[in-house]
């Protein structure tokens, strides 16, 4: 009986480790998307665009662009790691989808600026 319980516990541990690794992959994707958001936003600001998020725009006015990106990515990382630790991959997937939409929107704005 003890051996069966140990085997089940070991299997559970492997499953949890694999799930956590999968969740960490979602965290990496979210960080990459946030870095792309920061890059495309920076390029847009250099071209004369205005930050659309009023919270981020206000923070940029207070502490500057670089510090704002650092704060934003730090908050996103903390929230994403918490979601991964809690085993909430669906929430991470929705955040990734939302951030991908923001990056695509930024790229659309930049493309339209170049085209005219």
PDB file of N, CA and C in Angstrom:
ATOM      1  N   UNK A   1       0.823  -1.195   0.000  1.00  0.00           N
ATOM      2  CA  UNK A   1       0.000   0.000   0.000  1.00  0.00           C
ATOM      3  C   UNK A   1       0.864   1.255   0.000  1.00  0.00           C
ATOM      4  N   UNK A   2       1.928   1.242   0.809  1.00  0.00           N
ATOM      5  CA  UNK A   2       2.799   2.404   0.879  1.00  0.00           C
ATOM      6  C   UNK A   2       3.444   2.695  -0.471  1.00  0.00           C
ATOM      7  N   UNK A   3       3.842   1.654  -1.167  1.00  0.00           N
ATOM      8  CA  UNK A   3       4.488   1.816  -2.464  1.00  0.00           C
ATOM      9  C   UNK A   3       3.537   2.462  -3.464  1.00  0.00           C
ATOM     10  N   UNK A   4       2.289   2.057  -3.475  1.00  0.00           N
ATOM     11  CA  UNK A   4       1.294   2.644  -4.380  1.00  0.00           C
ATOM     12  C   UNK A   4       1.086   4.114  -4.069  1.00  0.00           C
ATOM     13  N   UNK A   5       1.046   4.463  -2.793  1.00  0.00           N
ATOM     14  CA  UNK A   5       0.867   5.867  -2.409  1.00  0.00           C
ATOM     15  C   UNK A   5       2.068   6.701  -2.830  1.00  0.00           C
ATOM     16  N   UNK A   6       3.269   6.132  -2.668  1.00  0.00           N
ATOM     17  CA  UNK A   6       4.479   6.853  -3.087  1.00  0.00           C
ATOM     18  C   UNK A   6       4.491   7.055  -4.598  1.00  0.00           C
ATOM     19  N   UNK A   7       4.075   6.031  -5.328  1.00  0.00           N
ATOM     20  CA  UNK A   7       4.029   6.129  -6.796  1.00  0.00           C
ATOM     21  C   UNK A   7       3.026   7.192  -7.229  1.00  0.00           C
ATOM     22  N   UNK A   8       1.867   7.224  -6.576  1.00  0.00           N
ATOM     23  CA  UNK A   8       0.857   8.235  -6.907  1.00  0.00           C
ATOM     24  C   UNK A   8       1.370   9.628  -6.586  1.00  0.00           C
ATOM     25  N   UNK A   9       2.031   9.777  -5.444  1.00  0.00           N
ATOM     26  CA  UNK A   9       2.574  11.081  -5.062  1.00  0.00           C
ATOM     27  C   UNK A   9       3.638  11.520  -6.053  1.00  0.00           C
ATOM     28  N   UNK A  10       4.479  10.586  -6.497  1.00  0.00           N
ATOM     29  CA  UNK A  10       5.522  10.915  -7.464  1.00  0.00           C
ATOM     30  C   UNK A  10       4.909  11.340  -8.788  1.00  0.00           C
ATOM     31  N   UNK A  11       3.867  10.637  -9.229  1.00  0.00           N
ATOM     32  CA  UNK A  11       3.182  10.995 -10.472  1.00  0.00           C
ATOM     33  C   UNK A  11       2.558  12.376 -10.356  1.00  0.00           C
ATOM     34  N   UNK A  12       1.916  12.640  -9.233  1.00  0.00           N
ATOM     35  CA  UNK A  12       1.318  13.952  -9.013  1.00  0.00           C
ATOM     36  C   UNK A  12       2.378  15.048  -9.057  1.00  0.00           C
ATOM     37  N   UNK A  13       3.519  14.783  -8.435  1.00  0.00           N
ATOM     38  CA  UNK A  13       4.609  15.756  -8.436  1.00  0.00           C
ATOM     39  C   UNK A  13       5.107  16.032  -9.835  1.00  0.00           C
ATOM     40  N   UNK A  14       5.213  14.994 -10.655  1.00  0.00           N
ATOM     41  CA  UNK A  14       5.654  15.166 -12.040  1.00  0.00           C
ATOM     42  C   UNK A  14       4.630  15.965 -12.827  1.00  0.00           C
ATOM     43  N   UNK A  15       3.358  15.643 -12.632  1.00  0.00           N
ATOM     44  CA  UNK A  15       2.304  16.383 -13.324  1.00  0.00           C
ATOM     45  C   UNK A  15       2.317  17.844 -12.924  1.00  0.00           C
ATOM     46  N   UNK A  16       2.467  18.112 -11.626  1.00  0.00           N
ATOM     47  CA  UNK A  16       2.491  19.500 -11.153  1.00  0.00           C
ATOM     48  C   UNK A  16       3.693  20.239 -11.712  1.00  0.00           C
ATOM     49  N   UNK A  17       4.854  19.575 -11.753  1.00  0.00           N
ATOM     50  CA  UNK A  17       6.056  20.219 -12.291  1.00  0.00           C
ATOM     51  C   UNK A  17       5.868  20.535 -13.770  1.00  0.00           C
ATOM     52  N   UNK A  18       5.318  19.607 -14.525  1.00  0.00           N
ATOM     53  CA  UNK A  18       5.075  19.828 -15.955  1.00  0.00           C
ATOM     54  C   UNK A  18       4.082  20.968 -16.154  1.00  0.00           C
ATOM     55  N   UNK A  19       3.029  21.007 -15.356  1.00  0.00           N
ATOM     56  CA  UNK A  19       2.041  22.083 -15.463  1.00  0.00           C
ATOM     57  C   UNK A  19       2.675  23.419 -15.119  1.00  0.00           C
ATOM     58  N   UNK A  20       3.489  23.444 -14.071  1.00  0.00           N
ATOM     59  CA  UNK A  20       4.134  24.699 -13.687  1.00  0.00           C
ATOM     60  C   UNK A  20       5.080  25.175 -14.780  1.00  0.00           C
ATOM     61  N   UNK A  21       5.804  24.246 -15.416  1.00  0.00           N
ATOM     62  CA  UNK A  21       6.685  24.628 -16.516  1.00  0.00           C
ATOM     63  C   UNK A  21       5.876  25.205 -17.672  1.00  0.00           C
ATOM     64  N   UNK A  22       4.722  24.616 -17.938  1.00  0.00           N
ATOM     65  CA  UNK A  22       3.843  25.126 -18.982  1.00  0.00           C
ATOM     66  C   UNK A  22       3.361  26.532 -18.632  1.00  0.00           C
ATOM     67  N   UNK A  23       3.014  26.730 -17.374  1.00  0.00           N
ATOM     68  CA  UNK A  23       2.556  28.051 -16.930  1.00  0.00           C
ATOM     69  C   UNK A  23       3.693  29.073 -17.035  1.00  0.00           C
ATOM     70  N   UNK A  24       4.909  28.655 -16.715  1.00  0.00           N
ATOM     71  CA  UNK A  24       6.053  29.568 -16.816  1.00  0.00           C
ATOM     72  C   UNK A  24       6.275  29.956 -18.274  1.00  0.00           C
ATOM     73  N   UNK A  25       6.028  29.035 -19.197  1.00  0.00           N
ATOM     74  CA  UNK A  25       6.111  29.379 -20.621  1.00  0.00           C
ATOM     75  C   UNK A  25       5.141  30.486 -20.977  1.00  0.00           C
ATOM     76  N   UNK A  26       3.942  30.440 -20.410  1.00  0.00           N
ATOM     77  CA  UNK A  26       2.959  31.503 -20.635  1.00  0.00           C
ATOM     78  C   UNK A  26       3.433  32.823 -20.045  1.00  0.00           C
ATOM     79  N   UNK A  27       4.134  32.759 -18.922  1.00  0.00           N
ATOM     80  CA  UNK A  27       4.691  33.970 -18.308  1.00  0.00           C
ATOM     81  C   UNK A  27       5.745  34.577 -19.233  1.00  0.00           C
ATOM     82  N   UNK A  28       6.621  33.738 -19.799  1.00  0.00           N
ATOM     83  CA  UNK A  28       7.641  34.230 -20.733  1.00  0.00           C
ATOM     84  C   UNK A  28       7.001  34.902 -21.951  1.00  0.00           C
ATOM     85  N   UNK A  29       5.950  34.292 -22.461  1.00  0.00           N
ATOM     86  CA  UNK A  29       5.251  34.881 -23.609  1.00  0.00           C
ATOM     87  C   UNK A  29       4.692  36.245 -23.228  1.00  0.00           C
ATOM     88  N   UNK A  30       4.091  36.338 -22.044  1.00  0.00           N
ATOM     89  CA  UNK A  30       3.531  37.612 -21.589  1.00  0.00           C
ATOM     90  C   UNK A  30       4.614  38.674 -21.446  1.00  0.00           C
ATOM     91  N   UNK A  31       5.764  38.288 -20.914  1.00  0.00           N
ATOM     92  CA  UNK A  31       6.867  39.242 -20.788  1.00  0.00           C
ATOM     93  C   UNK A  31       7.365  39.693 -22.162  1.00  0.00           C
ATOM     94  N   UNK A  32       7.456  38.760 -23.089  1.00  0.00           N
ATOM     95  CA  UNK A  32       7.900  39.124 -24.442  1.00  0.00           C
ATOM     96  C   UNK A  32       6.905  40.083 -25.097  1.00  0.00           C
ATOM     97  N   UNK A  33       5.624  39.819 -24.920  1.00  0.00           N
ATOM     98  CA  UNK A  33       4.601  40.705 -25.489  1.00  0.00           C
ATOM     99  C   UNK A  33       4.659  42.083 -24.849  1.00  0.00           C
ATOM    100  N   UNK A  34       4.923  42.142 -23.536  1.00  0.00           N
ATOM    101  CA  UNK A  34       5.047  43.437 -22.867  1.00  0.00           C
ATOM    102  C   UNK A  34       6.280  44.190 -23.347  1.00  0.00           C
ATOM    103  N   UNK A  35       7.364  43.469 -23.609  1.00  0.00           N
ATOM    104  CA  UNK A  35       8.559  44.113 -24.150  1.00  0.00           C
ATOM    105  C   UNK A  35       8.263  44.669 -25.548  1.00  0.00           C
ATOM    106  N   UNK A  36       7.529  43.914 -26.365  1.00  0.00           N
ATOM    107  CA  UNK A  36       7.134  44.405 -27.694  1.00  0.00           C
ATOM    108  C   UNK A  36       6.209  45.618 -27.577  1.00  0.00           C
ATOM    109  N   UNK A  37       5.321  45.600 -26.596  1.00  0.00           N
ATOM    110  CA  UNK A  37       4.451  46.748 -26.360  1.00  0.00           C
ATOM    111  C   UNK A  37       5.289  47.971 -26.001  1.00  0.00           C
ATOM    112  N   UNK A  38       6.258  47.794 -25.118  1.00  0.00           N
ATOM    113  CA  UNK A  38       7.126  48.913 -24.727  1.00  0.00           C
ATOM    114  C   UNK A  38       7.905  49.444 -25.927  1.00  0.00           C
ATOM    115  N   UNK A  39       8.449  48.529 -26.731  1.00  0.00           N
ATOM    116  CA  UNK A  39       9.225  48.938 -27.908  1.00  0.00           C
ATOM    117  C   UNK A  39       8.362  49.685 -28.918  1.00  0.00           C
ATOM    118  N   UNK A  40       7.209  49.117 -29.249  1.00  0.00           N
ATOM    119  CA  UNK A  40       6.353  49.773 -30.236  1.00  0.00           C
ATOM    120  C   UNK A  40       5.784  51.089 -29.695  1.00  0.00           C
ATOM    121  N   UNK A  41       5.521  51.141 -28.393  1.00  0.00           N
ATOM    122  CA  UNK A  41       5.055  52.395 -27.795  1.00  0.00           C
ATOM    123  C   UNK A  41       6.159  53.442 -27.856  1.00  0.00           C
ATOM    124  N   UNK A  42       7.376  53.045 -27.533  1.00  0.00           N
ATOM    125  CA  UNK A  42       8.505  53.977 -27.585  1.00  0.00           C
ATOM    126  C   UNK A  42       8.686  54.541 -28.989  1.00  0.00           C
ATOM    127  N   UNK A  43       8.645  53.663 -29.980  1.00  0.00           N
ATOM    128  CA  UNK A  43       8.786  54.117 -31.363  1.00  0.00           C
ATOM    129  C   UNK A  43       7.653  55.074 -31.719  1.00  0.00           C
ATOM    130  N   UNK A  44       6.433  54.719 -31.328  1.00  0.00           N
ATOM    131  CA  UNK A  44       5.290  55.593 -31.598  1.00  0.00           C
ATOM    132  C   UNK A  44       5.431  56.954 -30.937  1.00  0.00           C
ATOM    133  N   UNK A  45       5.884  56.968 -29.684  1.00  0.00           N
ATOM    134  CA  UNK A  45       6.070  58.245 -28.980  1.00  0.00           C
ATOM    135  C   UNK A  45       7.122  59.100 -29.673  1.00  0.00           C
ATOM    136  N   UNK A  46       8.178  58.445 -30.169  1.00  0.00           N
ATOM    137  CA  UNK A  46       9.223  59.178 -30.883  1.00  0.00           C
ATOM    138  C   UNK A  46       8.695  59.785 -32.185  1.00  0.00           C
ATOM    139  N   UNK A  47       7.653  59.144 -32.735  1.00  0.00           N
ATOM    140  CA  UNK A  47       7.065  59.627 -33.986  1.00  0.00           C
ATOM    141  C   UNK A  47       5.930  60.623 -33.737  1.00  0.00           C
ATOM    142  N   UNK A  48       5.659  60.916 -32.457  1.00  0.00           N
ATOM    143  CA  UNK A  48       4.638  61.904 -32.151  1.00  0.00           C
ATOM    144  C   UNK A  48       3.311  61.339 -31.689  1.00  0.00           C
ATOM    145  N   UNK A  49       3.220  60.025 -31.527  1.00  0.00           N
ATOM    146  CA  UNK A  49       1.981  59.425 -31.023  1.00  0.00           C
ATOM    147  C   UNK A  49       1.815  59.749 -29.544  1.00  0.00           C
ATOM    148  N   UNK A  50       0.626  59.507 -29.037  1.00  0.00           N
ATOM    149  CA  UNK A  50       0.315  59.770 -27.637  1.00  0.00           C
ATOM    150  C   UNK A  50      -0.064  58.454 -26.981  1.00  0.00           C
ATOM    151  N   UNK A  51       0.409  58.226 -25.756  1.00  0.00           N
ATOM    152  CA  UNK A  51       0.048  57.011 -25.010  1.00  0.00           C
ATOM    153  C   UNK A  51      -1.455  57.009 -24.766  1.00  0.00           C
ATOM    154  N   UNK A  52      -2.117  55.922 -25.161  1.00  0.00           N
ATOM    155  CA  UNK A  52      -3.577  55.834 -25.054  1.00  0.00           C
ATOM    156  C   UNK A  52      -4.057  55.467 -23.653  1.00  0.00           C
ATOM    157  N   UNK A  53      -3.242  54.755 -22.886  1.00  0.00           N
ATOM    158  CA  UNK A  53      -3.627  54.342 -21.538  1.00  0.00           C
ATOM    159  C   UNK A  53      -3.402  55.511 -20.583  1.00  0.00           C
ATOM    160  N   UNK A  54      -4.463  56.054 -19.984  1.00  0.00           N
ATOM    161  CA  UNK A  54      -4.301  57.234 -19.126  1.00  0.00           C
ATOM    162  C   UNK A  54      -3.449  56.977 -17.878  1.00  0.00           C
ATOM    163  N   UNK A  55      -3.484  55.765 -17.359  1.00  0.00           N
ATOM    164  CA  UNK A  55      -2.653  55.454 -16.185  1.00  0.00           C
ATOM    165  C   UNK A  55      -1.178  55.472 -16.569  1.00  0.00           C
ATOM    166  N   UNK A  56      -0.855  54.822 -17.669  1.00  0.00           N
ATOM    167  CA  UNK A  56       0.525  54.780 -18.143  1.00  0.00           C
ATOM    168  C   UNK A  56       0.987  56.175 -18.563  1.00  0.00           C
ATOM    169  N   UNK A  57       0.120  56.921 -19.239  1.00  0.00           N
ATOM    170  CA  UNK A  57       0.473  58.287 -19.653  1.00  0.00           C
ATOM    171  C   UNK A  57       0.771  59.161 -18.437  1.00  0.00           C
ATOM    172  N   UNK A  58      -0.055  59.048 -17.400  1.00  0.00           N
ATOM    173  CA  UNK A  58       0.169  59.821 -16.178  1.00  0.00           C
ATOM    174  C   UNK A  58       1.466  59.438 -15.501  1.00  0.00           C
ATOM    175  N   UNK A  59       1.761  58.140 -15.457  1.00  0.00           N
ATOM    176  CA  UNK A  59       3.007  57.676 -14.848  1.00  0.00           C
ATOM    177  C   UNK A  59       4.212  58.158 -15.647  1.00  0.00           C
ATOM    178  N   UNK A  60       4.081  58.145 -16.976  1.00  0.00           N
ATOM    179  CA  UNK A  60       5.174  58.650 -17.819  1.00  0.00           C
ATOM    180  C   UNK A  60       5.454  60.120 -17.524  1.00  0.00           C
ATOM    181  N   UNK A  61       4.375  60.878 -17.299  1.00  0.00           N
ATOM    182  CA  UNK A  61       4.543  62.289 -16.976  1.00  0.00           C
ATOM    183  C   UNK A  61       5.231  62.508 -15.635  1.00  0.00           C
ATOM    184  N   UNK A  62       5.050  61.577 -14.720  1.00  0.00           N
ATOM    185  CA  UNK A  62       5.635  61.700 -13.381  1.00  0.00           C
ATOM    186  C   UNK A  62       7.067  61.195 -13.293  1.00  0.00           C
ATOM    187  N   UNK A  63       7.317  60.009 -13.855  1.00  0.00           N
ATOM    188  CA  UNK A  63       8.624  59.378 -13.631  1.00  0.00           C
ATOM    189  C   UNK A  63       9.426  59.163 -14.914  1.00  0.00           C
ATOM    190  N   UNK A  64       8.845  59.432 -16.058  1.00  0.00           N
ATOM    191  CA  UNK A  64       9.551  59.250 -17.323  1.00  0.00           C
ATOM    192  C   UNK A  64       9.206  57.939 -17.991  1.00  0.00           C
ATOM    193  N   UNK A  65       9.595  57.852 -19.243  1.00  0.00           N
ATOM    194  CA  UNK A  65       9.226  56.694 -20.059  1.00  0.00           C
ATOM    195  C   UNK A  65       9.902  55.407 -19.594  1.00  0.00           C
ATOM    196  N   UNK A  66      11.214  55.438 -19.391  1.00  0.00           N
ATOM    197  CA  UNK A  66      11.943  54.236 -18.999  1.00  0.00           C
ATOM    198  C   UNK A  66      11.475  53.666 -17.675  1.00  0.00           C
ATOM    199  N   UNK A  67      11.297  54.532 -16.687  1.00  0.00           N
ATOM    200  CA  UNK A  67      10.840  54.078 -15.377  1.00  0.00           C
ATOM    201  C   UNK A  67       9.424  53.515 -15.460  1.00  0.00           C
ATOM    202  N   UNK A  68       8.600  54.097 -16.322  1.00  0.00           N
ATOM    203  CA  UNK A  68       7.238  53.601 -16.501  1.00  0.00           C
ATOM    204  C   UNK A  68       7.255  52.184 -17.050  1.00  0.00           C
ATOM    205  N   UNK A  69       8.108  51.922 -18.049  1.00  0.00           N
ATOM    206  CA  UNK A  69       8.200  50.575 -18.598  1.00  0.00           C
ATOM    207  C   UNK A  69       8.689  49.588 -17.542  1.00  0.00           C
ATOM    208  N   UNK A  70       9.649  50.014 -16.731  1.00  0.00           N
ATOM    209  CA  UNK A  70      10.166  49.154 -15.672  1.00  0.00           C
ATOM    210  C   UNK A  70       9.072  48.805 -14.662  1.00  0.00           C
ATOM    211  N   UNK A  71       8.287  49.805 -14.254  1.00  0.00           N
ATOM    212  CA  UNK A  71       7.183  49.570 -13.316  1.00  0.00           C
ATOM    213  C   UNK A  71       6.146  48.653 -13.949  1.00  0.00           C
ATOM    214  N   UNK A  72       5.766  48.949 -15.189  1.00  0.00           N
ATOM    215  CA  UNK A  72       4.731  48.168 -15.873  1.00  0.00           C
ATOM    216  C   UNK A  72       5.139  46.707 -16.000  1.00  0.00           C
ATOM    217  N   UNK A  73       6.351  46.456 -16.470  1.00  0.00           N
ATOM    218  CA  UNK A  73       6.791  45.081 -16.665  1.00  0.00           C
ATOM    219  C   UNK A  73       6.968  44.377 -15.320  1.00  0.00           C
ATOM    220  N   UNK A  74       7.395  45.091 -14.284  1.00  0.00           N
ATOM    221  CA  UNK A  74       7.518  44.493 -12.948  1.00  0.00           C
ATOM    222  C   UNK A  74       6.163  44.072 -12.396  1.00  0.00           C
ATOM    223  N   UNK A  75       5.162  44.923 -12.563  1.00  0.00           N
ATOM    224  CA  UNK A  75       3.812  44.597 -12.086  1.00  0.00           C
ATOM    225  C   UNK A  75       3.249  43.413 -12.873  1.00  0.00           C
ATOM    226  N   UNK A  76       3.447  43.426 -14.180  1.00  0.00           N
ATOM    227  CA  UNK A  76       2.969  42.322 -15.023  1.00  0.00           C
ATOM    228  C   UNK A  76       3.662  41.019 -14.626  1.00  0.00           C
ATOM    229  N   UNK A  77       4.982  41.073 -14.394  1.00  0.00           N
ATOM    230  CA  UNK A  77       5.714  39.876 -14.000  1.00  0.00           C
ATOM    231  C   UNK A  77       5.197  39.330 -12.671  1.00  0.00           C
ATOM    232  N   UNK A  78       4.994  40.204 -11.687  1.00  0.00           N
ATOM    233  CA  UNK A  78       4.498  39.757 -10.388  1.00  0.00           C
ATOM    234  C   UNK A  78       3.115  39.114 -10.516  1.00  0.00           C
ATOM    235  N   UNK A  79       2.235  39.751 -11.261  1.00  0.00           N
ATOM    236  CA  UNK A  79       0.881  39.212 -11.444  1.00  0.00           C
ATOM    237  C   UNK A  79       0.917  37.888 -12.203  1.00  0.00           C
ATOM    238  N   UNK A  80       1.742  37.808 -13.235  1.00  0.00           N
ATOM    239  CA  UNK A  80       1.830  36.588 -14.042  1.00  0.00           C
ATOM    240  C   UNK A  80       2.406  35.436 -13.223  1.00  0.00           C
ATOM    241  N   UNK A  81       3.433  35.707 -12.427  1.00  0.00           N
ATOM    242  CA  UNK A  81       4.002  34.647 -11.586  1.00  0.00           C
ATOM    243  C   UNK A  81       2.990  34.178 -10.541  1.00  0.00           C
ATOM    244  N   UNK A  82       2.211  35.098 -10.013  1.00  0.00           N
ATOM    245  CA  UNK A  82       1.172  34.720  -9.054  1.00  0.00           C
ATOM    246  C   UNK A  82       0.131  33.821  -9.725  1.00  0.00           C
ATOM    247  N   UNK A  83      -0.300  34.210 -10.923  1.00  0.00           N
ATOM    248  CA  UNK A  83      -1.270  33.385 -11.649  1.00  0.00           C
ATOM    249  C   UNK A  83      -0.691  32.004 -11.974  1.00  0.00           C
ATOM    250  N   UNK A  84       0.579  31.963 -12.348  1.00  0.00           N
ATOM    251  CA  UNK A  84       1.215  30.676 -12.640  1.00  0.00           C
ATOM    252  C   UNK A  84       1.294  29.832 -11.379  1.00  0.00           C
ATOM    253  N   UNK A  85       1.664  30.451 -10.286  1.00  0.00           N
ATOM    254  CA  UNK A  85       1.775  29.724  -9.005  1.00  0.00           C
ATOM    255  C   UNK A  85       0.415  29.193  -8.556  1.00  0.00           C
ATOM    256  N   UNK A  86      -0.638  29.958  -8.817  1.00  0.00           N
ATOM    257  CA  UNK A  86      -1.989  29.536  -8.442  1.00  0.00           C
ATOM    258  C   UNK A  86      -2.579  28.525  -9.430  1.00  0.00           C
ATOM    259  N   UNK A  87      -1.841  28.263 -10.509  1.00  0.00           N
ATOM    260  CA  UNK A  87      -2.324  27.304 -11.501  1.00  0.00           C
ATOM    261  C   UNK A  87      -3.480  27.839 -12.323  1.00  0.00           C
ATOM    262  N   UNK A  88      -3.363  29.088 -12.758  1.00  0.00           N
ATOM    263  CA  UNK A  88      -4.425  29.735 -13.542  1.00  0.00           C
ATOM    264  C   UNK A  88      -3.976  29.982 -14.983  1.00  0.00           C
ATOM    265  N   UNK A  89      -3.741  28.923 -15.757  1.00  0.00           N
ATOM    266  CA  UNK A  89      -3.255  29.121 -17.120  1.00  0.00           C
ATOM    267  C   UNK A  89      -4.250  29.846 -18.014  1.00  0.00           C
ATOM    268  N   UNK A  90      -5.552  29.663 -17.775  1.00  0.00           N
ATOM    269  CA  UNK A  90      -6.546  30.356 -18.608  1.00  0.00           C
ATOM    270  C   UNK A  90      -6.404  31.866 -18.475  1.00  0.00           C
ATOM    271  N   UNK A  91      -6.186  32.341 -17.264  1.00  0.00           N
ATOM    272  CA  UNK A  91      -6.009  33.777 -17.055  1.00  0.00           C
ATOM    273  C   UNK A  91      -4.763  34.269 -17.792  1.00  0.00           C
ATOM    274  N   UNK A  92      -3.684  33.484 -17.723  1.00  0.00           N
ATOM    275  CA  UNK A  92      -2.468  33.867 -18.438  1.00  0.00           C
ATOM    276  C   UNK A  92      -2.696  33.873 -19.951  1.00  0.00           C
ATOM    277  N   UNK A  93      -3.451  32.904 -20.440  1.00  0.00           N
ATOM    278  CA  UNK A  93      -3.744  32.865 -21.876  1.00  0.00           C
ATOM    279  C   UNK A  93      -4.549  34.085 -22.309  1.00  0.00           C
ATOM    280  N   UNK A  94      -5.529  34.491 -21.503  1.00  0.00           N
ATOM    281  CA  UNK A  94      -6.325  35.679 -21.826  1.00  0.00           C
ATOM    282  C   UNK A  94      -5.467  36.937 -21.783  1.00  0.00           C
ATOM    283  N   UNK A  95      -4.566  37.028 -20.796  1.00  0.00           N
ATOM    284  CA  UNK A  95      -3.659  38.183 -20.735  1.00  0.00           C
ATOM    285  C   UNK A  95      -2.761  38.219 -21.964  1.00  0.00           C
ATOM    286  N   UNK A  96      -2.257  37.055 -22.367  1.00  0.00           N
ATOM    287  CA  UNK A  96      -1.422  36.993 -23.570  1.00  0.00           C
ATOM    288  C   UNK A  96      -2.199  37.424 -24.805  1.00  0.00           C
ATOM    289  N   UNK A  97      -3.423  36.966 -24.906  1.00  0.00           N
ATOM    290  CA  UNK A  97      -4.253  37.354 -26.044  1.00  0.00           C
ATOM    291  C   UNK A  97      -4.491  38.868 -26.061  1.00  0.00           C
ATOM    292  N   UNK A  98      -4.788  39.435 -24.907  1.00  0.00           N
ATOM    293  CA  UNK A  98      -4.990  40.882 -24.814  1.00  0.00           C
ATOM    294  C   UNK A  98      -3.741  41.661 -25.177  1.00  0.00           C
ATOM    295  N   UNK A  99      -2.588  41.198 -24.653  1.00  0.00           N
ATOM    296  CA  UNK A  99      -1.333  41.900 -24.967  1.00  0.00           C
ATOM    297  C   UNK A  99      -0.981  41.757 -26.438  1.00  0.00           C
ATOM    298  N   UNK A 100      -1.260  40.594 -27.020  1.00  0.00           N
ATOM    299  CA  UNK A 100      -1.002  40.418 -28.455  1.00  0.00           C
ATOM    300  C   UNK A 100      -1.854  41.405 -29.254  1.00  0.00           C
ATOM    301  N   UNK A 101      -3.094  41.604 -28.827  1.00  0.00           N
ATOM    302  CA  UNK A 101      -3.965  42.579 -29.483  1.00  0.00           C
ATOM    303  C   UNK A 101      -3.413  43.992 -29.386  1.00  0.00           C
ATOM    304  N   UNK A 102      -2.867  44.332 -28.230  1.00  0.00           N
ATOM    305  CA  UNK A 102      -2.278  45.668 -28.057  1.00  0.00           C
ATOM    306  C   UNK A 102      -1.067  45.839 -28.959  1.00  0.00           C
ATOM    307  N   UNK A 103      -0.222  44.823 -29.034  1.00  0.00           N
ATOM    308  CA  UNK A 103       0.966  44.902 -29.893  1.00  0.00           C
ATOM    309  C   UNK A 103       0.555  45.035 -31.358  1.00  0.00           C
ATOM    310  N   UNK A 104      -0.433  44.258 -31.788  1.00  0.00           N
ATOM    311  CA  UNK A 104      -0.916  44.349 -33.174  1.00  0.00           C
ATOM    312  C   UNK A 104      -1.480  45.747 -33.432  1.00  0.00           C
ATOM    313  N   UNK A 105      -2.218  46.280 -32.470  1.00  0.00           N
ATOM    314  CA  UNK A 105      -2.755  47.634 -32.610  1.00  0.00           C
ATOM    315  C   UNK A 105      -1.625  48.657 -32.756  1.00  0.00           C
ATOM    316  N   UNK A 106      -0.595  48.524 -31.910  1.00  0.00           N
ATOM    317  CA  UNK A 106       0.558  49.431 -32.001  1.00  0.00           C
ATOM    318  C   UNK A 106       1.222  49.329 -33.367  1.00  0.00           C
ATOM    319  N   UNK A 107       1.393  48.100 -33.843  1.00  0.00           N
ATOM    320  CA  UNK A 107       2.018  47.909 -35.159  1.00  0.00           C
ATOM    321  C   UNK A 107       1.169  48.498 -36.277  1.00  0.00           C
ATOM    322  N   UNK A 108      -0.159  48.373 -36.151  1.00  0.00           N
ATOM    323  CA  UNK A 108      -1.058  48.961 -37.137  1.00  0.00           C
ATOM    324  C   UNK A 108      -0.899  50.487 -37.150  1.00  0.00           C
ATOM    325  N   UNK A 109      -0.850  51.093 -35.968  1.00  0.00           N
ATOM    326  CA  UNK A 109      -0.684  52.554 -35.868  1.00  0.00           C
ATOM    327  C   UNK A 109       0.656  52.968 -36.482  1.00  0.00           C
ATOM    328  N   UNK A 110       1.726  52.229 -36.141  1.00  0.00           N
ATOM    329  CA  UNK A 110       3.049  52.571 -36.694  1.00  0.00           C
ATOM    330  C   UNK A 110       3.079  52.412 -38.203  1.00  0.00           C
ATOM    331  N   UNK A 111       2.463  51.350 -38.702  1.00  0.00           N
ATOM    332  CA  UNK A 111       2.435  51.115 -40.147  1.00  0.00           C
ATOM    333  C   UNK A 111       1.685  52.239 -40.864  1.00  0.00           C
ATOM    334  N   UNK A 112       0.560  52.635 -40.308  1.00  0.00           N
ATOM    335  CA  UNK A 112      -0.211  53.732 -40.903  1.00  0.00           C
ATOM    336  C   UNK A 112       0.566  55.039 -40.868  1.00  0.00           C
ATOM    337  N   UNK A 113       1.385  55.228 -39.841  1.00  0.00           N
ATOM    338  CA  UNK A 113       2.203  56.444 -39.756  1.00  0.00           C
ATOM    339  C   UNK A 113       3.257  56.458 -40.846  1.00  0.00           C
ATOM    340  N   UNK A 114       3.838  55.296 -41.134  1.00  0.00           N
ATOM    341  CA  UNK A 114       4.852  55.228 -42.188  1.00  0.00           C
ATOM    342  C   UNK A 114       4.254  55.364 -43.566  1.00  0.00           C
ATOM    343  N   UNK A 115       3.090  54.760 -43.751  1.00  0.00           N
ATOM    344  CA  UNK A 115       2.455  54.773 -45.072  1.00  0.00           C
ATOM    345  C   UNK A 115       1.872  56.147 -45.384  1.00  0.00           C
ATOM    346  N   UNK A 116       1.367  56.777 -44.362  1.00  0.00           N
ATOM    347  CA  UNK A 116       0.907  58.116 -44.616  1.00  0.00           C
ATOM    348  C   UNK A 116      -0.483  58.325 -44.207  1.00  0.00           C
TER     349      UNK A 116
END
